[in-house]
Amino acid sequence: MLMRKKILSYRFSRKKSKAYPSMIESIFVYPLDETVMVFLLENGVYGKPTVYCVPDEIPVKLFQDLTIPLESVFR
């Protein structure tokens, strides 16, 4: 069961470009559940979250080559 209280969040934004007209990535971390939810804001609307858990790796949209391995996050 996911905790309802937001423990930690990050927002990554990118300036408008042709590839990403307006995108903000919000990452919510639930350390007790070892779960991460990623929301993308595209054109003013948040989509459905993508849920990750150990041993997944999270791709970061702001930096194309960056992934976050959850095993190292929740050690």
PDB file of N, CA and C in Angstrom:
ATOM      1  N   MET A   1       0.846  -1.186   0.000  1.00  0.00           N
ATOM      2  CA  MET A   1       0.000   0.000   0.000  1.00  0.00           C
ATOM      3  C   MET A   1       0.888   1.245   0.000  1.00  0.00           C
ATOM      4  N   LEU A   2       0.620   2.161  -0.861  1.00  0.00           N
ATOM      5  CA  LEU A   2       1.407   3.387  -0.944  1.00  0.00           C
ATOM      6  C   LEU A   2       1.020   4.336   0.173  1.00  0.00           C
ATOM      7  N   MET A   3       2.023   5.015   0.694  1.00  0.00           N
ATOM      8  CA  MET A   3       1.754   6.022   1.717  1.00  0.00           C
ATOM      9  C   MET A   3       1.083   7.214   1.059  1.00  0.00           C
ATOM     10  N   ARG A   4       0.123   7.797   1.708  1.00  0.00           N
ATOM     11  CA  ARG A   4      -0.582   8.952   1.148  1.00  0.00           C
ATOM     12  C   ARG A   4       0.223  10.234   1.319  1.00  0.00           C
ATOM     13  N   LYS A   5       1.095  10.280   2.303  1.00  0.00           N
ATOM     14  CA  LYS A   5       1.879  11.487   2.557  1.00  0.00           C
ATOM     15  C   LYS A   5       3.058  11.546   1.584  1.00  0.00           C
ATOM     16  N   LYS A   6       3.226  12.678   0.962  1.00  0.00           N
ATOM     17  CA  LYS A   6       4.347  12.874   0.052  1.00  0.00           C
ATOM     18  C   LYS A   6       5.613  13.008   0.885  1.00  0.00           C
ATOM     19  N   ILE A   7       6.567  12.128   0.706  1.00  0.00           N
ATOM     20  CA  ILE A   7       7.794  12.139   1.483  1.00  0.00           C
ATOM     21  C   ILE A   7       8.837  13.053   0.851  1.00  0.00           C
ATOM     22  N   LEU A   8       9.041  12.906  -0.432  1.00  0.00           N
ATOM     23  CA  LEU A   8      10.105  13.642  -1.097  1.00  0.00           C
ATOM     24  C   LEU A   8       9.719  13.817  -2.556  1.00  0.00           C
ATOM     25  N   SER A   9       9.931  14.988  -3.084  1.00  0.00           N
ATOM     26  CA  SER A   9       9.625  15.162  -4.502  1.00  0.00           C
ATOM     27  C   SER A   9      10.654  16.074  -5.152  1.00  0.00           C
ATOM     28  N   TYR A  10      10.859  15.857  -6.422  1.00  0.00           N
ATOM     29  CA  TYR A  10      11.740  16.684  -7.229  1.00  0.00           C
ATOM     30  C   TYR A  10      10.964  17.108  -8.464  1.00  0.00           C
ATOM     31  N   ARG A  11      11.254  18.289  -8.950  1.00  0.00           N
ATOM     32  CA  ARG A  11      10.673  18.734 -10.217  1.00  0.00           C
ATOM     33  C   ARG A  11      11.813  19.107 -11.138  1.00  0.00           C
ATOM     34  N   PHE A  12      11.802  18.521 -12.310  1.00  0.00           N
ATOM     35  CA  PHE A  12      12.784  18.843 -13.325  1.00  0.00           C
ATOM     36  C   PHE A  12      12.046  19.507 -14.471  1.00  0.00           C
ATOM     37  N   SER A  13      12.538  20.630 -14.903  1.00  0.00           N
ATOM     38  CA  SER A  13      11.875  21.289 -16.021  1.00  0.00           C
ATOM     39  C   SER A  13      12.884  21.551 -17.127  1.00  0.00           C
ATOM     40  N   ARG A  14      12.376  21.689 -18.296  1.00  0.00           N
ATOM     41  CA  ARG A  14      13.195  21.925 -19.471  1.00  0.00           C
ATOM     42  C   ARG A  14      12.583  23.102 -20.210  1.00  0.00           C
ATOM     43  N   LYS A  15      13.439  23.960 -20.729  1.00  0.00           N
ATOM     44  CA  LYS A  15      12.920  25.080 -21.500  1.00  0.00           C
ATOM     45  C   LYS A  15      12.202  24.563 -22.735  1.00  0.00           C
ATOM     46  N   LYS A  16      11.274  25.357 -23.219  1.00  0.00           N
ATOM     47  CA  LYS A  16      10.501  24.946 -24.394  1.00  0.00           C
ATOM     48  C   LYS A  16      11.417  24.733 -25.594  1.00  0.00           C
ATOM     49  N   SER A  17      11.172  23.651 -26.290  1.00  0.00           N
ATOM     50  CA  SER A  17      11.894  23.355 -27.516  1.00  0.00           C
ATOM     51  C   SER A  17      10.946  22.592 -28.431  1.00  0.00           C
ATOM     52  N   LYS A  18      11.375  22.309 -29.626  1.00  0.00           N
ATOM     53  CA  LYS A  18      10.517  21.566 -30.546  1.00  0.00           C
ATOM     54  C   LYS A  18      10.281  20.146 -30.059  1.00  0.00           C
ATOM     55  N   ALA A  19      11.306  19.531 -29.480  1.00  0.00           N
ATOM     56  CA  ALA A  19      11.177  18.153 -29.010  1.00  0.00           C
ATOM     57  C   ALA A  19      10.302  18.066 -27.754  1.00  0.00           C
ATOM     58  N   TYR A  20      10.436  19.045 -26.858  1.00  0.00           N
ATOM     59  CA  TYR A  20       9.679  19.069 -25.610  1.00  0.00           C
ATOM     60  C   TYR A  20       9.060  20.447 -25.456  1.00  0.00           C
ATOM     61  N   PRO A  21       7.876  20.687 -26.009  1.00  0.00           N
ATOM     62  CA  PRO A  21       7.292  22.032 -25.988  1.00  0.00           C
ATOM     63  C   PRO A  21       7.120  22.589 -24.580  1.00  0.00           C
ATOM     64  N   SER A  22       6.623  21.815 -23.660  1.00  0.00           N
ATOM     65  CA  SER A  22       6.566  22.236 -22.262  1.00  0.00           C
ATOM     66  C   SER A  22       6.410  20.974 -21.423  1.00  0.00           C
ATOM     67  N   MET A  23       7.488  20.568 -20.788  1.00  0.00           N
ATOM     68  CA  MET A  23       7.462  19.326 -20.037  1.00  0.00           C
ATOM     69  C   MET A  23       8.087  19.540 -18.665  1.00  0.00           C
ATOM     70  N   ILE A  24       7.401  19.082 -17.651  1.00  0.00           N
ATOM     71  CA  ILE A  24       7.935  19.069 -16.302  1.00  0.00           C
ATOM     72  C   ILE A  24       7.780  17.645 -15.790  1.00  0.00           C
ATOM     73  N   GLU A  25       8.817  17.144 -15.158  1.00  0.00           N
ATOM     74  CA  GLU A  25       8.811  15.798 -14.612  1.00  0.00           C
ATOM     75  C   GLU A  25       8.795  15.923 -13.096  1.00  0.00           C
ATOM     76  N   SER A  26       7.797  15.346 -12.457  1.00  0.00           N
ATOM     77  CA  SER A  26       7.706  15.348 -10.999  1.00  0.00           C
ATOM     78  C   SER A  26       7.928  13.928 -10.508  1.00  0.00           C
ATOM     79  N   ILE A  27       8.824  13.781  -9.550  1.00  0.00           N
ATOM     80  CA  ILE A  27       9.164  12.470  -9.009  1.00  0.00           C
ATOM     81  C   ILE A  27       8.814  12.446  -7.533  1.00  0.00           C
ATOM     82  N   PHE A  28       7.958  11.506  -7.136  1.00  0.00           N
ATOM     83  CA  PHE A  28       7.566  11.341  -5.748  1.00  0.00           C
ATOM     84  C   PHE A  28       8.153  10.041  -5.222  1.00  0.00           C
ATOM     85  N   VAL A  29       8.870  10.128  -4.107  1.00  0.00           N
ATOM     86  CA  VAL A  29       9.557   8.972  -3.540  1.00  0.00           C
ATOM     87  C   VAL A  29       8.862   8.556  -2.256  1.00  0.00           C
ATOM     88  N   TYR A  30       8.538   7.261  -2.152  1.00  0.00           N
ATOM     89  CA  TYR A  30       7.920   6.678  -0.963  1.00  0.00           C
ATOM     90  C   TYR A  30       8.909   5.675  -0.371  1.00  0.00           C
ATOM     91  N   PRO A  31       9.767   6.131   0.560  1.00  0.00           N
ATOM     92  CA  PRO A  31      10.847   5.265   1.045  1.00  0.00           C
ATOM     93  C   PRO A  31      10.373   4.037   1.820  1.00  0.00           C
ATOM     94  N   LEU A  32       9.284   4.117   2.554  1.00  0.00           N
ATOM     95  CA  LEU A  32       8.824   2.954   3.306  1.00  0.00           C
ATOM     96  C   LEU A  32       8.309   1.853   2.388  1.00  0.00           C
ATOM     97  N   ASP A  33       7.741   2.236   1.259  1.00  0.00           N
ATOM     98  CA  ASP A  33       7.245   1.266   0.289  1.00  0.00           C
ATOM     99  C   ASP A  33       8.283   0.929  -0.772  1.00  0.00           C
ATOM    100  N   GLU A  34       9.413   1.653  -0.763  1.00  0.00           N
ATOM    101  CA  GLU A  34      10.454   1.513  -1.780  1.00  0.00           C
ATOM    102  C   GLU A  34       9.853   1.650  -3.179  1.00  0.00           C
ATOM    103  N   THR A  35       9.076   2.701  -3.338  1.00  0.00           N
ATOM    104  CA  THR A  35       8.349   2.959  -4.575  1.00  0.00           C
ATOM    105  C   THR A  35       8.573   4.400  -5.019  1.00  0.00           C
ATOM    106  N   VAL A  36       8.589   4.608  -6.324  1.00  0.00           N
ATOM    107  CA  VAL A  36       8.723   5.949  -6.899  1.00  0.00           C
ATOM    108  C   VAL A  36       7.633   6.116  -7.947  1.00  0.00           C
ATOM    109  N   MET A  37       6.967   7.284  -7.914  1.00  0.00           N
ATOM    110  CA  MET A  37       5.963   7.617  -8.924  1.00  0.00           C
ATOM    111  C   MET A  37       6.462   8.816  -9.717  1.00  0.00           C
ATOM    112  N   VAL A  38       6.412   8.708 -11.031  1.00  0.00           N
ATOM    113  CA  VAL A  38       6.881   9.783 -11.908  1.00  0.00           C
ATOM    114  C   VAL A  38       5.688  10.300 -12.713  1.00  0.00           C
ATOM    115  N   PHE A  39       5.466  11.613 -12.605  1.00  0.00           N
ATOM    116  CA  PHE A  39       4.399  12.278 -13.349  1.00  0.00           C
ATOM    117  C   PHE A  39       5.028  13.199 -14.379  1.00  0.00           C
ATOM    118  N   LEU A  40       4.492  13.215 -15.590  1.00  0.00           N
ATOM    119  CA  LEU A  40       4.949  14.142 -16.623  1.00  0.00           C
ATOM    120  C   LEU A  40       3.860  15.159 -16.895  1.00  0.00           C
ATOM    121  N   LEU A  41       4.228  16.432 -16.851  1.00  0.00           N
ATOM    122  CA  LEU A  41       3.320  17.515 -17.210  1.00  0.00           C
ATOM    123  C   LEU A  41       3.605  17.879 -18.656  1.00  0.00           C
ATOM    124  N   GLU A  42       2.641  17.619 -19.515  1.00  0.00           N
ATOM    125  CA  GLU A  42       2.811  17.935 -20.931  1.00  0.00           C
ATOM    126  C   GLU A  42       1.670  18.833 -21.378  1.00  0.00           C
ATOM    127  N   ASN A  43       2.039  20.012 -21.868  1.00  0.00           N
ATOM    128  CA  ASN A  43       1.063  20.999 -22.346  1.00  0.00           C
ATOM    129  C   ASN A  43       0.026  21.338 -21.282  1.00  0.00           C
ATOM    130  N   GLY A  44       0.481  21.471 -20.035  1.00  0.00           N
ATOM    131  CA  GLY A  44      -0.384  21.906 -18.943  1.00  0.00           C
ATOM    132  C   GLY A  44      -1.208  20.826 -18.281  1.00  0.00           C
ATOM    133  N   VAL A  45      -1.023  19.564 -18.659  1.00  0.00           N
ATOM    134  CA  VAL A  45      -1.823  18.478 -18.095  1.00  0.00           C
ATOM    135  C   VAL A  45      -0.902  17.363 -17.617  1.00  0.00           C
ATOM    136  N   TYR A  46      -1.094  16.925 -16.348  1.00  0.00           N
ATOM    137  CA  TYR A  46      -0.337  15.783 -15.851  1.00  0.00           C
ATOM    138  C   TYR A  46      -0.971  14.499 -16.353  1.00  0.00           C
ATOM    139  N   GLY A  47      -0.141  13.593 -16.828  1.00  0.00           N
ATOM    140  CA  GLY A  47      -0.618  12.287 -17.272  1.00  0.00           C
ATOM    141  C   GLY A  47      -0.666  11.317 -16.107  1.00  0.00           C
ATOM    142  N   LYS A  48      -1.004  10.074 -16.411  1.00  0.00           N
ATOM    143  CA  LYS A  48      -1.013   9.039 -15.387  1.00  0.00           C
ATOM    144  C   LYS A  48       0.423   8.781 -14.945  1.00  0.00           C
ATOM    145  N   PRO A  49       0.619   8.463 -13.663  1.00  0.00           N
ATOM    146  CA  PRO A  49       1.986   8.244 -13.186  1.00  0.00           C
ATOM    147  C   PRO A  49       2.549   6.915 -13.676  1.00  0.00           C
ATOM    148  N   THR A  50       3.850   6.897 -13.802  1.00  0.00           N
ATOM    149  CA  THR A  50       4.572   5.657 -14.018  1.00  0.00           C
ATOM    150  C   THR A  50       5.139   5.258 -12.665  1.00  0.00           C
ATOM    151  N   VAL A  51       4.877   4.035 -12.235  1.00  0.00           N
ATOM    152  CA  VAL A  51       5.307   3.575 -10.915  1.00  0.00           C
ATOM    153  C   VAL A  51       6.503   2.646 -11.076  1.00  0.00           C
ATOM    154  N   TYR A  52       7.548   2.912 -10.282  1.00  0.00           N
ATOM    155  CA  TYR A  52       8.761   2.101 -10.302  1.00  0.00           C
ATOM    156  C   TYR A  52       9.011   1.553  -8.905  1.00  0.00           C
ATOM    157  N   CYS A  53       9.591   0.368  -8.835  1.00  0.00           N
ATOM    158  CA  CYS A  53      10.010  -0.200  -7.559  1.00  0.00           C
ATOM    159  C   CYS A  53      11.298  -0.984  -7.804  1.00  0.00           C
ATOM    160  N   VAL A  54      11.967  -1.377  -6.721  1.00  0.00           N
ATOM    161  CA  VAL A  54      13.228  -2.115  -6.822  1.00  0.00           C
ATOM    162  C   VAL A  54      12.958  -3.397  -7.594  1.00  0.00           C
ATOM    163  N   PRO A  55      13.702  -3.787  -8.563  1.00  0.00           N
ATOM    164  CA  PRO A  55      15.025  -3.375  -9.041  1.00  0.00           C
ATOM    165  C   PRO A  55      14.987  -2.477 -10.283  1.00  0.00           C
ATOM    166  N   ASP A  56      13.902  -1.741 -10.505  1.00  0.00           N
ATOM    167  CA  ASP A  56      13.760  -0.902 -11.698  1.00  0.00           C
ATOM    168  C   ASP A  56      14.795   0.220 -11.732  1.00  0.00           C
ATOM    169  N   GLU A  57      14.999   0.757 -12.914  1.00  0.00           N
ATOM    170  CA  GLU A  57      15.805   1.958 -13.113  1.00  0.00           C
ATOM    171  C   GLU A  57      14.911   3.021 -13.734  1.00  0.00           C
ATOM    172  N   ILE A  58      14.993   4.244 -13.215  1.00  0.00           N
ATOM    173  CA  ILE A  58      14.144   5.335 -13.683  1.00  0.00           C
ATOM    174  C   ILE A  58      14.893   6.150 -14.730  1.00  0.00           C
ATOM    175  N   PRO A  59      14.355   6.258 -15.941  1.00  0.00           N
ATOM    176  CA  PRO A  59      14.974   7.148 -16.924  1.00  0.00           C
ATOM    177  C   PRO A  59      14.558   8.595 -16.633  1.00  0.00           C
ATOM    178  N   VAL A  60      15.526   9.505 -16.640  1.00  0.00           N
ATOM    179  CA  VAL A  60      15.244  10.918 -16.382  1.00  0.00           C
ATOM    180  C   VAL A  60      15.125  11.626 -17.725  1.00  0.00           C
ATOM    181  N   LYS A  61      13.976  12.230 -17.976  1.00  0.00           N
ATOM    182  CA  LYS A  61      13.699  12.845 -19.280  1.00  0.00           C
ATOM    183  C   LYS A  61      14.564  14.068 -19.554  1.00  0.00           C
ATOM    184  N   LEU A  62      14.955  14.780 -18.506  1.00  0.00           N
ATOM    185  CA  LEU A  62      15.746  15.995 -18.683  1.00  0.00           C
ATOM    186  C   LEU A  62      17.133  15.684 -19.250  1.00  0.00           C
ATOM    187  N   PHE A  63      17.717  14.569 -18.801  1.00  0.00           N
ATOM    188  CA  PHE A  63      19.030  14.131 -19.275  1.00  0.00           C
ATOM    189  C   PHE A  63      18.853  12.768 -19.928  1.00  0.00           C
ATOM    190  N   GLN A  64      18.975  12.698 -21.231  1.00  0.00           N
ATOM    191  CA  GLN A  64      18.648  11.497 -21.999  1.00  0.00           C
ATOM    192  C   GLN A  64      19.417  10.257 -21.546  1.00  0.00           C
ATOM    193  N   ASP A  65      20.677  10.408 -21.138  1.00  0.00           N
ATOM    194  CA  ASP A  65      21.513   9.259 -20.789  1.00  0.00           C
ATOM    195  C   ASP A  65      21.478   8.904 -19.305  1.00  0.00           C
ATOM    196  N   LEU A  66      20.706   9.621 -18.504  1.00  0.00           N
ATOM    197  CA  LEU A  66      20.686   9.400 -17.058  1.00  0.00           C
ATOM    198  C   LEU A  66      19.565   8.449 -16.665  1.00  0.00           C
ATOM    199  N   THR A  67      19.927   7.429 -15.891  1.00  0.00           N
ATOM    200  CA  THR A  67      18.948   6.548 -15.258  1.00  0.00           C
ATOM    201  C   THR A  67      19.288   6.446 -13.780  1.00  0.00           C
ATOM    202  N   ILE A  68      18.262   6.274 -12.952  1.00  0.00           N
ATOM    203  CA  ILE A  68      18.454   6.181 -11.504  1.00  0.00           C
ATOM    204  C   ILE A  68      18.122   4.751 -11.084  1.00  0.00           C
ATOM    205  N   PRO A  69      19.134   3.970 -10.663  1.00  0.00           N
ATOM    206  CA  PRO A  69      18.861   2.609 -10.203  1.00  0.00           C
ATOM    207  C   PRO A  69      18.284   2.631  -8.783  1.00  0.00           C
ATOM    208  N   LEU A  70      17.091   2.083  -8.624  1.00  0.00           N
ATOM    209  CA  LEU A  70      16.415   2.160  -7.331  1.00  0.00           C
ATOM    210  C   LEU A  70      17.068   1.277  -6.263  1.00  0.00           C
ATOM    211  N   GLU A  71      17.821   0.269  -6.661  1.00  0.00           N
ATOM    212  CA  GLU A  71      18.513  -0.540  -5.666  1.00  0.00           C
ATOM    213  C   GLU A  71      19.488   0.314  -4.856  1.00  0.00           C
ATOM    214  N   SER A  72      20.161   1.257  -5.516  1.00  0.00           N
ATOM    215  CA  SER A  72      21.091   2.120  -4.793  1.00  0.00           C
ATOM    216  C   SER A  72      20.375   3.213  -3.992  1.00  0.00           C
ATOM    217  N   VAL A  73      19.173   3.588  -4.411  1.00  0.00           N
ATOM    218  CA  VAL A  73      18.411   4.621  -3.699  1.00  0.00           C
ATOM    219  C   VAL A  73      17.895   4.092  -2.371  1.00  0.00           C
ATOM    220  N   PHE A  74      17.390   2.851  -2.368  1.00  0.00           N
ATOM    221  CA  PHE A  74      16.742   2.308  -1.180  1.00  0.00           C
ATOM    222  C   PHE A  74      17.631   1.371  -0.376  1.00  0.00           C
ATOM    223  N   ARG A  75      18.940   1.493  -0.442  1.00  0.00           N
ATOM    224  CA  ARG A  75      19.829   0.654   0.373  1.00  0.00           C
ATOM    225  C   ARG A  75      19.703   1.000   1.815  1.00  0.00           C
TER     226      ARG A  75
END
